[in-house]
Amino acid sequence: MAGSITWIEPVRAVVEPARFGSDHPMRTVTRQIGSGEGWSPERASFVAGVFDELSVDWHCDHSSDLRLAPLEDALDRGDLPPGRLVEIGCGTGAATERIAARRPVAAALDLSPRMLAIADPAVAPFVRADAGSLPLASGSVDVMVLVNMFMFAASYDRVLAPGGRFVWISTMGDETPIYFPPDEVMDLLPGRWTATGSYAGTGFWLVAHRG
């Protein structure tokens, strides 16, 4: 493994997620992207279209306290530095709202225009962007938050500042459709990383930094 994870005791209720995503077709796409293959303008357009179709019910379906407990726990206990926080793969902004209740969000990015059209612009600047080629300067992000997001490891590593924190949330644990096991998340990040993690609600979180 290219990094290490220190697991800390949960302080919130931990609930077994319903069986949902372990055989979801998005798992194949997730692994292809994580391996550095399978991403193209055509694939990006297809994925945007899939999430456009899901946008109507997305906010309601992804706003529950149990699903977002891992995010809130990471924000509370992940020892995050001050500075510029960016969420990547924000969808309709359900998670963005929880983050913004604790600290400012510099930008929230997503590929789906219909998802972004539902997001509340008062919460954060919502921007359409492809995570595979982020429109952010190298080393410009102090805290990067990803909730159930694809792994574009090289892109994320490029924009994360020295000393920055990479926050990885799987809201339904190993039943999350877009999912990697924690050890694989660490393996996919370039170089050596150290992380803290815990479980909360129906999922888990990791907060990783280089070194």
N, C-alpha and C. Protein backbone atom coordinates (compact mmCIF):
# COMPACT_ATOMS: atom_id res chain seq x y z
N MET A 1 0.84 -1.19 0.00
CA MET A 1 0.00 0.00 0.00
C MET A 1 0.87 1.24 0.00
N ALA A 2 0.49 2.27 -0.76
CA ALA A 2 1.30 3.47 -0.91
C ALA A 2 1.09 4.45 0.23
N GLY A 3 0.30 4.13 1.22
CA GLY A 3 0.05 5.02 2.33
C GLY A 3 -0.49 4.24 3.51
N SER A 4 -0.74 4.96 4.59
CA SER A 4 -1.25 4.32 5.79
C SER A 4 -2.50 5.04 6.27
N ILE A 5 -3.38 4.29 6.91
CA ILE A 5 -4.62 4.84 7.45
C ILE A 5 -4.67 4.54 8.94
N THR A 6 -4.91 5.56 9.75
CA THR A 6 -5.17 5.39 11.17
C THR A 6 -6.67 5.54 11.39
N TRP A 7 -7.30 4.47 11.83
CA TRP A 7 -8.74 4.49 12.06
C TRP A 7 -9.02 4.94 13.49
N ILE A 8 -9.90 5.91 13.64
CA ILE A 8 -10.26 6.40 14.96
C ILE A 8 -11.68 5.93 15.30
N GLU A 9 -11.93 5.83 16.59
CA GLU A 9 -13.22 5.31 17.05
C GLU A 9 -14.38 6.19 16.60
N PRO A 10 -15.46 5.58 16.14
CA PRO A 10 -16.63 6.38 15.79
C PRO A 10 -17.21 7.08 17.01
N VAL A 11 -17.75 8.27 16.79
CA VAL A 11 -18.45 8.99 17.85
C VAL A 11 -19.92 9.20 17.48
N ARG A 12 -20.28 8.91 16.25
CA ARG A 12 -21.66 8.97 15.80
C ARG A 12 -22.17 7.54 15.58
N ALA A 13 -23.48 7.41 15.55
CA ALA A 13 -24.07 6.10 15.30
C ALA A 13 -23.61 5.57 13.95
N VAL A 14 -23.29 4.29 13.90
CA VAL A 14 -22.90 3.62 12.66
C VAL A 14 -24.01 2.63 12.30
N VAL A 15 -24.51 2.75 11.07
CA VAL A 15 -25.66 1.97 10.63
C VAL A 15 -25.27 1.19 9.37
N GLU A 16 -25.62 -0.08 9.33
CA GLU A 16 -25.34 -0.89 8.14
C GLU A 16 -26.17 -0.36 6.97
N PRO A 17 -25.53 -0.02 5.84
CA PRO A 17 -26.30 0.50 4.71
C PRO A 17 -27.12 -0.60 4.04
N ALA A 18 -28.22 -0.20 3.44
CA ALA A 18 -29.01 -1.15 2.66
C ALA A 18 -28.20 -1.61 1.45
N ARG A 19 -28.43 -2.84 1.01
CA ARG A 19 -27.73 -3.33 -0.17
C ARG A 19 -28.21 -2.55 -1.38
N PHE A 20 -27.28 -1.94 -2.07
CA PHE A 20 -27.68 -1.04 -3.14
C PHE A 20 -26.71 -1.05 -4.30
N GLY A 21 -25.42 -0.79 -4.01
CA GLY A 21 -24.52 -0.47 -5.10
C GLY A 21 -23.41 -1.44 -5.39
N SER A 22 -23.31 -2.54 -4.64
CA SER A 22 -22.13 -3.39 -4.80
C SER A 22 -22.05 -4.05 -6.18
N ASP A 23 -23.19 -4.21 -6.85
CA ASP A 23 -23.16 -4.73 -8.22
C ASP A 23 -23.69 -3.71 -9.22
N HIS A 24 -23.62 -2.44 -8.85
CA HIS A 24 -24.11 -1.36 -9.70
C HIS A 24 -23.22 -1.22 -10.94
N PRO A 25 -23.80 -0.97 -12.12
CA PRO A 25 -22.98 -0.84 -13.33
C PRO A 25 -21.97 0.30 -13.27
N MET A 26 -22.21 1.29 -12.40
CA MET A 26 -21.26 2.39 -12.29
C MET A 26 -19.93 1.94 -11.69
N ARG A 27 -19.91 0.76 -11.05
CA ARG A 27 -18.65 0.24 -10.50
C ARG A 27 -17.61 0.02 -11.59
N THR A 28 -18.04 -0.47 -12.74
CA THR A 28 -17.11 -0.70 -13.84
C THR A 28 -16.51 0.61 -14.32
N VAL A 29 -17.35 1.62 -14.48
CA VAL A 29 -16.88 2.95 -14.90
C VAL A 29 -15.90 3.50 -13.87
N THR A 30 -16.24 3.34 -12.59
CA THR A 30 -15.39 3.84 -11.51
C THR A 30 -13.99 3.24 -11.59
N ARG A 31 -13.91 1.94 -11.81
CA ARG A 31 -12.61 1.29 -11.86
C ARG A 31 -11.83 1.67 -13.12
N GLN A 32 -12.52 1.82 -14.22
CA GLN A 32 -11.83 2.24 -15.44
C GLN A 32 -11.21 3.63 -15.27
N ILE A 33 -11.97 4.54 -14.68
CA ILE A 33 -11.46 5.89 -14.48
C ILE A 33 -10.31 5.88 -13.47
N GLY A 34 -10.47 5.12 -12.40
CA GLY A 34 -9.43 5.05 -11.38
C GLY A 34 -8.12 4.52 -11.92
N SER A 35 -8.18 3.65 -12.91
CA SER A 35 -6.97 3.08 -13.50
C SER A 35 -6.30 4.02 -14.49
N GLY A 36 -6.93 5.18 -14.72
CA GLY A 36 -6.37 6.14 -15.67
C GLY A 36 -6.81 5.90 -17.09
N GLU A 37 -7.77 5.00 -17.27
CA GLU A 37 -8.27 4.69 -18.60
C GLU A 37 -9.77 4.97 -18.66
N GLY A 38 -10.29 4.97 -19.86
CA GLY A 38 -11.74 5.00 -20.00
C GLY A 38 -12.37 6.37 -19.89
N TRP A 39 -11.58 7.45 -19.81
CA TRP A 39 -12.16 8.79 -19.75
C TRP A 39 -11.86 9.52 -21.05
N SER A 40 -12.89 10.05 -21.65
CA SER A 40 -12.78 10.74 -22.93
C SER A 40 -13.91 11.75 -22.99
N PRO A 41 -13.89 12.66 -23.96
CA PRO A 41 -15.03 13.57 -24.10
C PRO A 41 -16.35 12.83 -24.27
N GLU A 42 -16.32 11.70 -24.96
CA GLU A 42 -17.54 10.92 -25.15
C GLU A 42 -18.02 10.32 -23.83
N ARG A 43 -17.10 9.78 -23.05
CA ARG A 43 -17.48 9.21 -21.75
C ARG A 43 -17.96 10.32 -20.81
N ALA A 44 -17.31 11.47 -20.84
CA ALA A 44 -17.74 12.59 -20.01
C ALA A 44 -19.16 13.02 -20.36
N SER A 45 -19.46 13.09 -21.64
CA SER A 45 -20.80 13.46 -22.08
C SER A 45 -21.83 12.43 -21.62
N PHE A 46 -21.46 11.15 -21.71
CA PHE A 46 -22.37 10.09 -21.28
C PHE A 46 -22.64 10.19 -19.78
N VAL A 47 -21.59 10.35 -18.98
CA VAL A 47 -21.75 10.43 -17.53
C VAL A 47 -22.58 11.66 -17.14
N ALA A 48 -22.32 12.79 -17.79
CA ALA A 48 -23.12 13.99 -17.52
C ALA A 48 -24.59 13.72 -17.81
N GLY A 49 -24.86 13.02 -18.91
CA GLY A 49 -26.24 12.70 -19.25
C GLY A 49 -26.91 11.79 -18.24
N VAL A 50 -26.16 10.81 -17.73
CA VAL A 50 -26.71 9.91 -16.71
C VAL A 50 -27.13 10.71 -15.48
N PHE A 51 -26.25 11.60 -15.03
CA PHE A 51 -26.57 12.36 -13.83
C PHE A 51 -27.60 13.46 -14.09
N ASP A 52 -27.66 13.97 -15.29
CA ASP A 52 -28.75 14.88 -15.65
C ASP A 52 -30.10 14.20 -15.42
N GLU A 53 -30.20 12.94 -15.86
CA GLU A 53 -31.46 12.21 -15.73
C GLU A 53 -31.81 11.93 -14.27
N LEU A 54 -30.81 11.84 -13.41
CA LEU A 54 -31.04 11.57 -11.99
C LEU A 54 -31.29 12.82 -11.17
N SER A 55 -31.16 13.98 -11.78
CA SER A 55 -31.11 15.23 -11.02
C SER A 55 -32.40 15.57 -10.28
N VAL A 56 -33.56 15.21 -10.82
CA VAL A 56 -34.83 15.64 -10.23
C VAL A 56 -34.97 15.17 -8.79
N ASP A 57 -34.64 13.91 -8.53
CA ASP A 57 -34.81 13.35 -7.19
C ASP A 57 -33.52 13.33 -6.37
N TRP A 58 -32.44 13.79 -6.95
CA TRP A 58 -31.13 13.61 -6.33
C TRP A 58 -31.02 14.30 -4.97
N HIS A 59 -31.45 15.55 -4.89
CA HIS A 59 -31.24 16.31 -3.66
C HIS A 59 -31.96 15.65 -2.49
N CYS A 60 -33.20 15.28 -2.72
CA CYS A 60 -33.98 14.62 -1.67
C CYS A 60 -33.37 13.29 -1.28
N ASP A 61 -32.94 12.52 -2.25
CA ASP A 61 -32.42 11.18 -1.99
C ASP A 61 -31.05 11.20 -1.32
N HIS A 62 -30.31 12.30 -1.43
CA HIS A 62 -28.93 12.33 -0.94
C HIS A 62 -28.71 13.36 0.17
N SER A 63 -29.77 13.75 0.85
CA SER A 63 -29.66 14.78 1.89
C SER A 63 -29.89 14.26 3.30
N SER A 64 -30.06 12.96 3.47
CA SER A 64 -30.40 12.45 4.80
C SER A 64 -29.22 12.60 5.76
N ASP A 65 -29.54 12.73 7.04
CA ASP A 65 -28.50 12.87 8.06
C ASP A 65 -27.60 11.64 8.11
N LEU A 66 -28.17 10.45 7.93
CA LEU A 66 -27.35 9.24 7.98
C LEU A 66 -26.35 9.20 6.84
N ARG A 67 -26.79 9.57 5.65
CA ARG A 67 -25.87 9.55 4.50
C ARG A 67 -24.78 10.60 4.64
N LEU A 68 -25.11 11.74 5.19
CA LEU A 68 -24.13 12.82 5.26
C LEU A 68 -23.37 12.85 6.58
N ALA A 69 -23.66 11.89 7.47
CA ALA A 69 -22.92 11.81 8.73
C ALA A 69 -21.42 11.64 8.52
N PRO A 70 -20.95 10.82 7.55
CA PRO A 70 -19.50 10.71 7.35
C PRO A 70 -18.86 12.04 6.99
N LEU A 71 -19.53 12.83 6.16
CA LEU A 71 -19.00 14.13 5.79
C LEU A 71 -18.90 15.04 7.00
N GLU A 72 -19.97 15.13 7.77
CA GLU A 72 -19.96 16.02 8.92
C GLU A 72 -18.92 15.58 9.95
N ASP A 73 -18.76 14.28 10.12
CA ASP A 73 -17.76 13.77 11.05
C ASP A 73 -16.35 14.11 10.58
N ALA A 74 -16.11 13.99 9.28
CA ALA A 74 -14.79 14.35 8.74
C ALA A 74 -14.51 15.84 8.93
N LEU A 75 -15.51 16.66 8.71
CA LEU A 75 -15.33 18.10 8.91
C LEU A 75 -15.05 18.43 10.37
N ASP A 76 -15.68 17.69 11.27
CA ASP A 76 -15.53 17.96 12.70
C ASP A 76 -14.23 17.39 13.27
N ARG A 77 -13.80 16.22 12.77
CA ARG A 77 -12.69 15.51 13.43
C ARG A 77 -11.50 15.24 12.52
N GLY A 78 -11.54 15.74 11.31
CA GLY A 78 -10.49 15.43 10.35
C GLY A 78 -9.28 16.34 10.38
N ASP A 79 -9.23 17.27 11.34
CA ASP A 79 -8.08 18.18 11.49
C ASP A 79 -7.77 18.89 10.18
N LEU A 80 -8.78 19.54 9.63
CA LEU A 80 -8.63 20.22 8.34
C LEU A 80 -8.02 21.60 8.53
N PRO A 81 -7.10 21.99 7.66
CA PRO A 81 -6.50 23.32 7.77
C PRO A 81 -7.45 24.40 7.29
N PRO A 82 -7.19 25.64 7.68
CA PRO A 82 -7.94 26.75 7.08
C PRO A 82 -7.52 26.92 5.63
N GLY A 83 -8.22 27.79 4.94
CA GLY A 83 -7.84 28.07 3.56
C GLY A 83 -8.93 27.73 2.59
N ARG A 84 -8.55 27.55 1.35
CA ARG A 84 -9.50 27.41 0.25
C ARG A 84 -10.03 25.98 0.15
N LEU A 85 -11.32 25.84 0.37
CA LEU A 85 -11.98 24.53 0.27
C LEU A 85 -12.76 24.45 -1.03
N VAL A 86 -12.57 23.37 -1.76
CA VAL A 86 -13.28 23.12 -3.01
C VAL A 86 -13.91 21.74 -2.93
N GLU A 87 -15.19 21.66 -3.31
CA GLU A 87 -15.85 20.36 -3.42
C GLU A 87 -15.89 19.95 -4.89
N ILE A 88 -15.53 18.73 -5.17
CA ILE A 88 -15.52 18.21 -6.53
C ILE A 88 -16.55 17.09 -6.65
N GLY A 89 -17.45 17.23 -7.62
CA GLY A 89 -18.54 16.28 -7.75
C GLY A 89 -19.68 16.63 -6.81
N CYS A 90 -20.08 17.89 -6.81
CA CYS A 90 -21.03 18.40 -5.81
C CYS A 90 -22.48 18.05 -6.10
N GLY A 91 -22.80 17.63 -7.33
CA GLY A 91 -24.19 17.34 -7.65
C GLY A 91 -25.09 18.54 -7.46
N THR A 92 -26.18 18.34 -6.73
CA THR A 92 -27.14 19.41 -6.49
C THR A 92 -26.79 20.27 -5.28
N GLY A 93 -25.67 19.96 -4.63
CA GLY A 93 -25.24 20.76 -3.50
C GLY A 93 -25.71 20.28 -2.15
N ALA A 94 -26.20 19.04 -2.05
CA ALA A 94 -26.66 18.52 -0.76
C ALA A 94 -25.53 18.51 0.26
N ALA A 95 -24.36 18.00 -0.14
CA ALA A 95 -23.22 18.00 0.77
C ALA A 95 -22.64 19.40 0.93
N THR A 96 -22.68 20.17 -0.13
CA THR A 96 -22.15 21.54 -0.09
C THR A 96 -22.82 22.34 1.01
N GLU A 97 -24.11 22.15 1.18
CA GLU A 97 -24.84 22.87 2.21
C GLU A 97 -24.31 22.54 3.60
N ARG A 98 -23.99 21.27 3.84
CA ARG A 98 -23.45 20.87 5.15
C ARG A 98 -22.05 21.46 5.37
N ILE A 99 -21.26 21.49 4.31
CA ILE A 99 -19.92 22.07 4.43
C ILE A 99 -20.02 23.56 4.71
N ALA A 100 -20.86 24.26 3.95
CA ALA A 100 -20.99 25.71 4.07
C ALA A 100 -21.53 26.13 5.43
N ALA A 101 -22.20 25.24 6.13
CA ALA A 101 -22.67 25.55 7.48
C ALA A 101 -21.51 25.62 8.47
N ARG A 102 -20.35 25.08 8.08
CA ARG A 102 -19.18 25.04 8.96
C ARG A 102 -18.07 25.98 8.51
N ARG A 103 -17.92 26.17 7.20
CA ARG A 103 -16.86 27.04 6.69
C ARG A 103 -17.18 27.41 5.25
N PRO A 104 -16.58 28.48 4.74
CA PRO A 104 -16.87 28.89 3.36
C PRO A 104 -16.39 27.85 2.34
N VAL A 105 -17.14 27.73 1.27
CA VAL A 105 -16.78 26.87 0.15
C VAL A 105 -16.36 27.78 -1.00
N ALA A 106 -15.10 27.69 -1.41
CA ALA A 106 -14.59 28.57 -2.46
C ALA A 106 -15.24 28.27 -3.80
N ALA A 107 -15.49 26.99 -4.06
CA ALA A 107 -16.14 26.57 -5.31
C ALA A 107 -16.64 25.15 -5.15
N ALA A 108 -17.75 24.85 -5.83
CA ALA A 108 -18.30 23.50 -5.87
C ALA A 108 -18.48 23.14 -7.33
N LEU A 109 -17.84 22.06 -7.76
CA LEU A 109 -17.76 21.71 -9.18
C LEU A 109 -18.53 20.44 -9.49
N ASP A 110 -19.15 20.41 -10.66
CA ASP A 110 -19.81 19.20 -11.12
C ASP A 110 -19.89 19.21 -12.64
N LEU A 111 -20.06 18.02 -13.21
CA LEU A 111 -20.11 17.86 -14.66
C LEU A 111 -21.53 18.00 -15.21
N SER A 112 -22.54 17.77 -14.37
CA SER A 112 -23.93 17.73 -14.82
C SER A 112 -24.59 19.10 -14.75
N PRO A 113 -24.97 19.68 -15.88
CA PRO A 113 -25.61 21.00 -15.84
C PRO A 113 -26.96 20.99 -15.13
N ARG A 114 -27.69 19.90 -15.24
CA ARG A 114 -29.00 19.85 -14.57
C ARG A 114 -28.85 19.75 -13.06
N MET A 115 -27.85 19.03 -12.61
CA MET A 115 -27.57 19.00 -11.18
C MET A 115 -27.25 20.42 -10.68
N LEU A 116 -26.38 21.10 -11.38
CA LEU A 116 -25.97 22.43 -10.96
C LEU A 116 -27.11 23.42 -11.01
N ALA A 117 -28.06 23.23 -11.92
CA ALA A 117 -29.21 24.13 -12.02
C ALA A 117 -30.09 24.06 -10.78
N ILE A 118 -30.05 22.93 -10.08
CA ILE A 118 -30.85 22.76 -8.86
C ILE A 118 -30.14 23.33 -7.64
N ALA A 119 -28.82 23.39 -7.67
CA ALA A 119 -28.04 23.85 -6.52
C ALA A 119 -28.37 25.31 -6.19
N ASP A 120 -28.34 25.62 -4.89
CA ASP A 120 -28.65 26.97 -4.40
C ASP A 120 -27.41 27.85 -4.53
N PRO A 121 -27.43 28.86 -5.39
CA PRO A 121 -26.24 29.69 -5.59
C PRO A 121 -25.86 30.52 -4.37
N ALA A 122 -26.75 30.61 -3.39
CA ALA A 122 -26.41 31.34 -2.17
C ALA A 122 -25.46 30.54 -1.28
N VAL A 123 -25.36 29.25 -1.51
CA VAL A 123 -24.53 28.39 -0.67
C VAL A 123 -23.06 28.49 -1.03
N ALA A 124 -22.77 28.52 -2.33
CA ALA A 124 -21.39 28.53 -2.83
C ALA A 124 -21.40 28.87 -4.31
N PRO A 125 -20.26 29.25 -4.86
CA PRO A 125 -20.16 29.37 -6.32
C PRO A 125 -20.16 27.97 -6.94
N PHE A 126 -21.18 27.65 -7.71
CA PHE A 126 -21.28 26.36 -8.38
C PHE A 126 -20.80 26.50 -9.82
N VAL A 127 -19.89 25.60 -10.22
CA VAL A 127 -19.21 25.73 -11.50
C VAL A 127 -19.26 24.39 -12.23
N ARG A 128 -19.58 24.43 -13.51
CA ARG A 128 -19.52 23.20 -14.30
C ARG A 128 -18.07 22.94 -14.70
N ALA A 129 -17.59 21.74 -14.42
CA ALA A 129 -16.20 21.40 -14.72
C ALA A 129 -16.03 19.90 -14.80
N ASP A 130 -15.03 19.49 -15.54
CA ASP A 130 -14.64 18.09 -15.69
C ASP A 130 -13.51 17.81 -14.70
N ALA A 131 -13.73 16.90 -13.76
CA ALA A 131 -12.72 16.62 -12.75
C ALA A 131 -11.45 16.02 -13.34
N GLY A 132 -11.54 15.48 -14.54
CA GLY A 132 -10.35 14.94 -15.18
C GLY A 132 -9.39 16.00 -15.67
N SER A 133 -9.87 17.22 -15.80
CA SER A 133 -9.02 18.36 -16.21
C SER A 133 -9.54 19.60 -15.48
N LEU A 134 -9.28 19.65 -14.20
CA LEU A 134 -9.84 20.69 -13.35
C LEU A 134 -9.37 22.08 -13.76
N PRO A 135 -10.28 23.05 -13.83
CA PRO A 135 -9.92 24.42 -14.19
C PRO A 135 -9.42 25.20 -12.98
N LEU A 136 -8.46 24.62 -12.28
CA LEU A 136 -7.91 25.20 -11.06
C LEU A 136 -6.39 25.23 -11.17
N ALA A 137 -5.79 26.26 -10.60
CA ALA A 137 -4.34 26.38 -10.65
C ALA A 137 -3.68 25.28 -9.81
N SER A 138 -2.50 24.88 -10.22
CA SER A 138 -1.75 23.88 -9.46
C SER A 138 -1.48 24.38 -8.05
N GLY A 139 -1.70 23.52 -7.07
CA GLY A 139 -1.42 23.87 -5.68
C GLY A 139 -2.33 24.92 -5.09
N SER A 140 -3.53 25.08 -5.64
CA SER A 140 -4.39 26.19 -5.22
C SER A 140 -5.48 25.81 -4.23
N VAL A 141 -5.60 24.53 -3.88
CA VAL A 141 -6.69 24.06 -3.03
C VAL A 141 -6.13 23.53 -1.71
N ASP A 142 -6.60 24.07 -0.60
CA ASP A 142 -6.12 23.64 0.71
C ASP A 142 -6.89 22.43 1.24
N VAL A 143 -8.18 22.38 0.94
CA VAL A 143 -9.02 21.25 1.34
C VAL A 143 -9.88 20.87 0.15
N MET A 144 -9.77 19.62 -0.26
CA MET A 144 -10.54 19.10 -1.39
C MET A 144 -11.50 18.05 -0.87
N VAL A 145 -12.79 18.25 -1.11
CA VAL A 145 -13.82 17.33 -0.61
C VAL A 145 -14.45 16.59 -1.77
N LEU A 146 -14.50 15.27 -1.67
CA LEU A 146 -15.13 14.43 -2.69
C LEU A 146 -16.11 13.49 -2.00
N VAL A 147 -17.37 13.58 -2.38
CA VAL A 147 -18.41 12.72 -1.81
C VAL A 147 -18.91 11.80 -2.92
N ASN A 148 -18.63 10.50 -2.79
CA ASN A 148 -19.06 9.51 -3.79
C ASN A 148 -18.63 9.93 -5.19
N MET A 149 -17.34 10.16 -5.33
CA MET A 149 -16.82 10.76 -6.55
C MET A 149 -15.84 9.81 -7.25
N PHE A 150 -15.72 9.98 -8.57
CA PHE A 150 -14.72 9.24 -9.33
C PHE A 150 -13.32 9.67 -8.90
N MET A 151 -12.33 8.79 -9.11
CA MET A 151 -10.96 9.06 -8.71
C MET A 151 -10.11 9.46 -9.91
N PHE A 152 -9.94 10.78 -10.08
CA PHE A 152 -9.00 11.32 -11.05
C PHE A 152 -7.75 11.74 -10.27
N ALA A 153 -6.97 10.76 -9.85
CA ALA A 153 -5.93 11.00 -8.85
C ALA A 153 -4.91 12.04 -9.28
N ALA A 154 -4.44 11.98 -10.52
CA ALA A 154 -3.42 12.93 -10.97
C ALA A 154 -3.96 14.36 -10.97
N SER A 155 -5.20 14.52 -11.38
CA SER A 155 -5.82 15.84 -11.40
C SER A 155 -5.96 16.40 -9.99
N TYR A 156 -6.39 15.55 -9.06
CA TYR A 156 -6.56 16.00 -7.68
C TYR A 156 -5.21 16.35 -7.06
N ASP A 157 -4.22 15.51 -7.30
CA ASP A 157 -2.89 15.75 -6.74
C ASP A 157 -2.30 17.06 -7.26
N ARG A 158 -2.56 17.37 -8.51
CA ARG A 158 -2.01 18.60 -9.10
C ARG A 158 -2.52 19.85 -8.40
N VAL A 159 -3.81 19.89 -8.09
CA VAL A 159 -4.38 21.14 -7.58
C VAL A 159 -4.30 21.26 -6.06
N LEU A 160 -4.01 20.16 -5.36
CA LEU A 160 -3.94 20.21 -3.91
C LEU A 160 -2.65 20.89 -3.46
N ALA A 161 -2.79 21.86 -2.57
CA ALA A 161 -1.64 22.63 -2.10
C ALA A 161 -0.74 21.78 -1.21
N PRO A 162 0.54 22.15 -1.08
CA PRO A 162 1.40 21.51 -0.08
C PRO A 162 0.76 21.64 1.30
N GLY A 163 0.69 20.55 2.02
CA GLY A 163 0.03 20.57 3.32
C GLY A 163 -1.48 20.49 3.25
N GLY A 164 -2.02 20.38 2.03
CA GLY A 164 -3.47 20.32 1.86
C GLY A 164 -4.04 18.98 2.28
N ARG A 165 -5.36 18.95 2.39
CA ARG A 165 -6.05 17.73 2.82
C ARG A 165 -7.03 17.26 1.74
N PHE A 166 -7.00 15.97 1.51
CA PHE A 166 -7.86 15.29 0.55
C PHE A 166 -8.92 14.54 1.35
N VAL A 167 -10.18 14.94 1.21
CA VAL A 167 -11.27 14.37 2.01
C VAL A 167 -12.12 13.48 1.12
N TRP A 168 -12.13 12.20 1.42
CA TRP A 168 -12.84 11.19 0.62
C TRP A 168 -13.99 10.63 1.44
N ILE A 169 -15.21 10.75 0.92
CA ILE A 169 -16.40 10.30 1.62
C ILE A 169 -17.12 9.24 0.79
N SER A 170 -17.43 8.11 1.42
CA SER A 170 -18.33 7.12 0.82
C SER A 170 -19.56 7.05 1.72
N THR A 171 -20.66 7.62 1.27
CA THR A 171 -21.81 7.80 2.16
C THR A 171 -22.53 6.51 2.50
N MET A 172 -22.35 5.48 1.68
CA MET A 172 -22.98 4.18 1.95
C MET A 172 -21.94 3.07 2.04
N GLY A 173 -20.72 3.42 2.43
CA GLY A 173 -19.68 2.42 2.59
C GLY A 173 -19.49 1.61 1.32
N ASP A 174 -19.38 0.29 1.47
CA ASP A 174 -19.11 -0.54 0.31
C ASP A 174 -20.35 -0.79 -0.55
N GLU A 175 -21.47 -0.17 -0.21
CA GLU A 175 -22.66 -0.21 -1.07
C GLU A 175 -22.78 1.05 -1.92
N THR A 176 -21.84 1.97 -1.80
CA THR A 176 -21.85 3.17 -2.63
C THR A 176 -21.57 2.79 -4.08
N PRO A 177 -22.40 3.20 -5.04
CA PRO A 177 -22.15 2.81 -6.44
C PRO A 177 -20.79 3.25 -6.96
N ILE A 178 -20.38 4.48 -6.68
CA ILE A 178 -19.06 4.96 -7.07
C ILE A 178 -18.17 4.77 -5.85
N TYR A 179 -17.36 3.71 -5.86
CA TYR A 179 -16.72 3.26 -4.61
C TYR A 179 -15.36 2.62 -4.86
N PHE A 180 -14.43 2.93 -3.96
CA PHE A 180 -13.20 2.17 -3.80
C PHE A 180 -13.03 1.85 -2.32
N PRO A 181 -12.53 0.67 -1.98
CA PRO A 181 -12.18 0.39 -0.59
C PRO A 181 -11.12 1.39 -0.12
N PRO A 182 -11.09 1.69 1.18
CA PRO A 182 -10.14 2.70 1.68
C PRO A 182 -8.69 2.47 1.26
N ASP A 183 -8.21 1.23 1.36
CA ASP A 183 -6.81 0.96 1.00
C ASP A 183 -6.55 1.25 -0.47
N GLU A 184 -7.53 0.99 -1.32
CA GLU A 184 -7.35 1.27 -2.75
C GLU A 184 -7.34 2.77 -3.02
N VAL A 185 -8.11 3.52 -2.26
CA VAL A 185 -8.06 4.99 -2.39
C VAL A 185 -6.63 5.45 -2.17
N MET A 186 -6.00 4.94 -1.11
CA MET A 186 -4.63 5.33 -0.80
C MET A 186 -3.65 4.88 -1.89
N ASP A 187 -3.88 3.70 -2.44
CA ASP A 187 -3.01 3.19 -3.50
C ASP A 187 -3.08 4.04 -4.76
N LEU A 188 -4.26 4.58 -5.04
CA LEU A 188 -4.46 5.34 -6.28
C LEU A 188 -3.84 6.73 -6.22
N LEU A 189 -3.69 7.29 -5.03
CA LEU A 189 -3.08 8.61 -4.92
C LEU A 189 -1.59 8.52 -5.23
N PRO A 190 -1.06 9.42 -6.06
CA PRO A 190 0.36 9.33 -6.43
C PRO A 190 1.28 9.69 -5.28
N GLY A 191 2.34 8.92 -5.11
CA GLY A 191 3.27 9.18 -4.02
C GLY A 191 2.79 8.53 -2.73
N ARG A 192 3.36 8.98 -1.62
CA ARG A 192 2.99 8.42 -0.32
C ARG A 192 2.08 9.38 0.43
N TRP A 193 1.02 8.82 1.01
CA TRP A 193 0.02 9.60 1.73
C TRP A 193 -0.25 8.95 3.09
N THR A 194 -0.69 9.78 4.03
CA THR A 194 -1.11 9.32 5.35
C THR A 194 -2.52 9.81 5.59
N ALA A 195 -3.36 8.95 6.15
CA ALA A 195 -4.76 9.32 6.33
C ALA A 195 -5.26 8.96 7.71
N THR A 196 -6.27 9.69 8.12
CA THR A 196 -7.10 9.35 9.27
C THR A 196 -8.48 9.02 8.74
N GLY A 197 -9.15 8.07 9.37
CA GLY A 197 -10.48 7.70 8.90
C GLY A 197 -11.37 7.23 10.03
N SER A 198 -12.66 7.21 9.75
CA SER A 198 -13.61 6.68 10.72
C SER A 198 -14.92 6.37 10.00
N TYR A 199 -15.82 5.77 10.75
CA TYR A 199 -17.15 5.42 10.25
C TYR A 199 -18.19 6.28 10.95
N ALA A 200 -19.24 6.62 10.21
CA ALA A 200 -20.35 7.40 10.77
C ALA A 200 -21.57 7.19 9.89
N GLY A 201 -22.74 7.13 10.50
CA GLY A 201 -23.94 6.92 9.71
C GLY A 201 -23.83 5.64 8.91
N THR A 202 -24.12 5.73 7.62
CA THR A 202 -24.06 4.55 6.75
C THR A 202 -22.75 4.43 5.97
N GLY A 203 -21.77 5.28 6.27
CA GLY A 203 -20.56 5.28 5.46
C GLY A 203 -19.29 5.51 6.25
N PHE A 204 -18.24 5.91 5.52
CA PHE A 204 -16.95 6.18 6.15
C PHE A 204 -16.30 7.39 5.50
N TRP A 205 -15.25 7.88 6.16
CA TRP A 205 -14.49 9.01 5.61
C TRP A 205 -13.00 8.76 5.78
N LEU A 206 -12.24 9.38 4.88
CA LEU A 206 -10.79 9.47 4.99
C LEU A 206 -10.38 10.92 4.81
N VAL A 207 -9.41 11.36 5.60
CA VAL A 207 -8.76 12.65 5.37
C VAL A 207 -7.28 12.35 5.20
N ALA A 208 -6.76 12.59 3.99
CA ALA A 208 -5.39 12.21 3.65
C ALA A 208 -4.53 13.43 3.36
N HIS A 209 -3.25 13.29 3.65
CA HIS A 209 -2.27 14.32 3.28
C HIS A 209 -1.00 13.63 2.81
N ARG A 210 -0.21 14.34 2.05
CA ARG A 210 1.03 13.76 1.52
C ARG A 210 2.03 13.53 2.65
N GLY A 211 2.79 12.46 2.49
CA GLY A 211 3.86 12.21 3.45
C GLY A 211 3.56 11.04 4.38
